[in-house]
Amino acid sequence: MKKTEFRSDYVYGEGIREPTAVIAYEFFELQNTDIPRYIMEHYQVSPKCRETWQALIDQMEELGACEDIGTAEQEKYAAELIEGLNINYVLWLASKDNVIDLYGADEDDIDEYEVGDVTLSDLGPDGRLYGYIDDPQPINR
């Protein structure tokens, strides 16, 4: 059996599992630079894409924001970053205790999932972003 972890759609948000939308939101709205850093460190990324993302990361860290980039362009950058990873869906997962302790989830709102084959971010106890080919479904429902 594959390793499992947990999430609460109440905490993480329900329904948004499209990789480019999640990566764009995490980076451009929440200023999470870990996802592009992790992907560039662990996977093959084209030199042009690497250069673009490094400039975006530098700008985010220096200014706390990036130049005004529309949603379509944000998602285009995200698509270039994950090109070749063969994923169609993503989920943030963590241990059950951490979903409760760190995110204030009620135990009744927590679902168990198999971890994805592709890791896109690893924030340790705060959670990991996994990529999937098929839409992941809770295994406890």
Foldseek 3Di string as FASTA:
>chain_A
DFDKFKAFCVQVPPDPWFQLQVVLCCCQPVVPLQLLVQLVVPHDADPVLNVVSVVQNVCCVVPVHGPDDDSVVSSVSRCSSCPPVQFGTKDWGAHLVLNCVVRVDDSVRMFMWGAAPAWRGDPDRNTTMGTHNDDTDGPVD
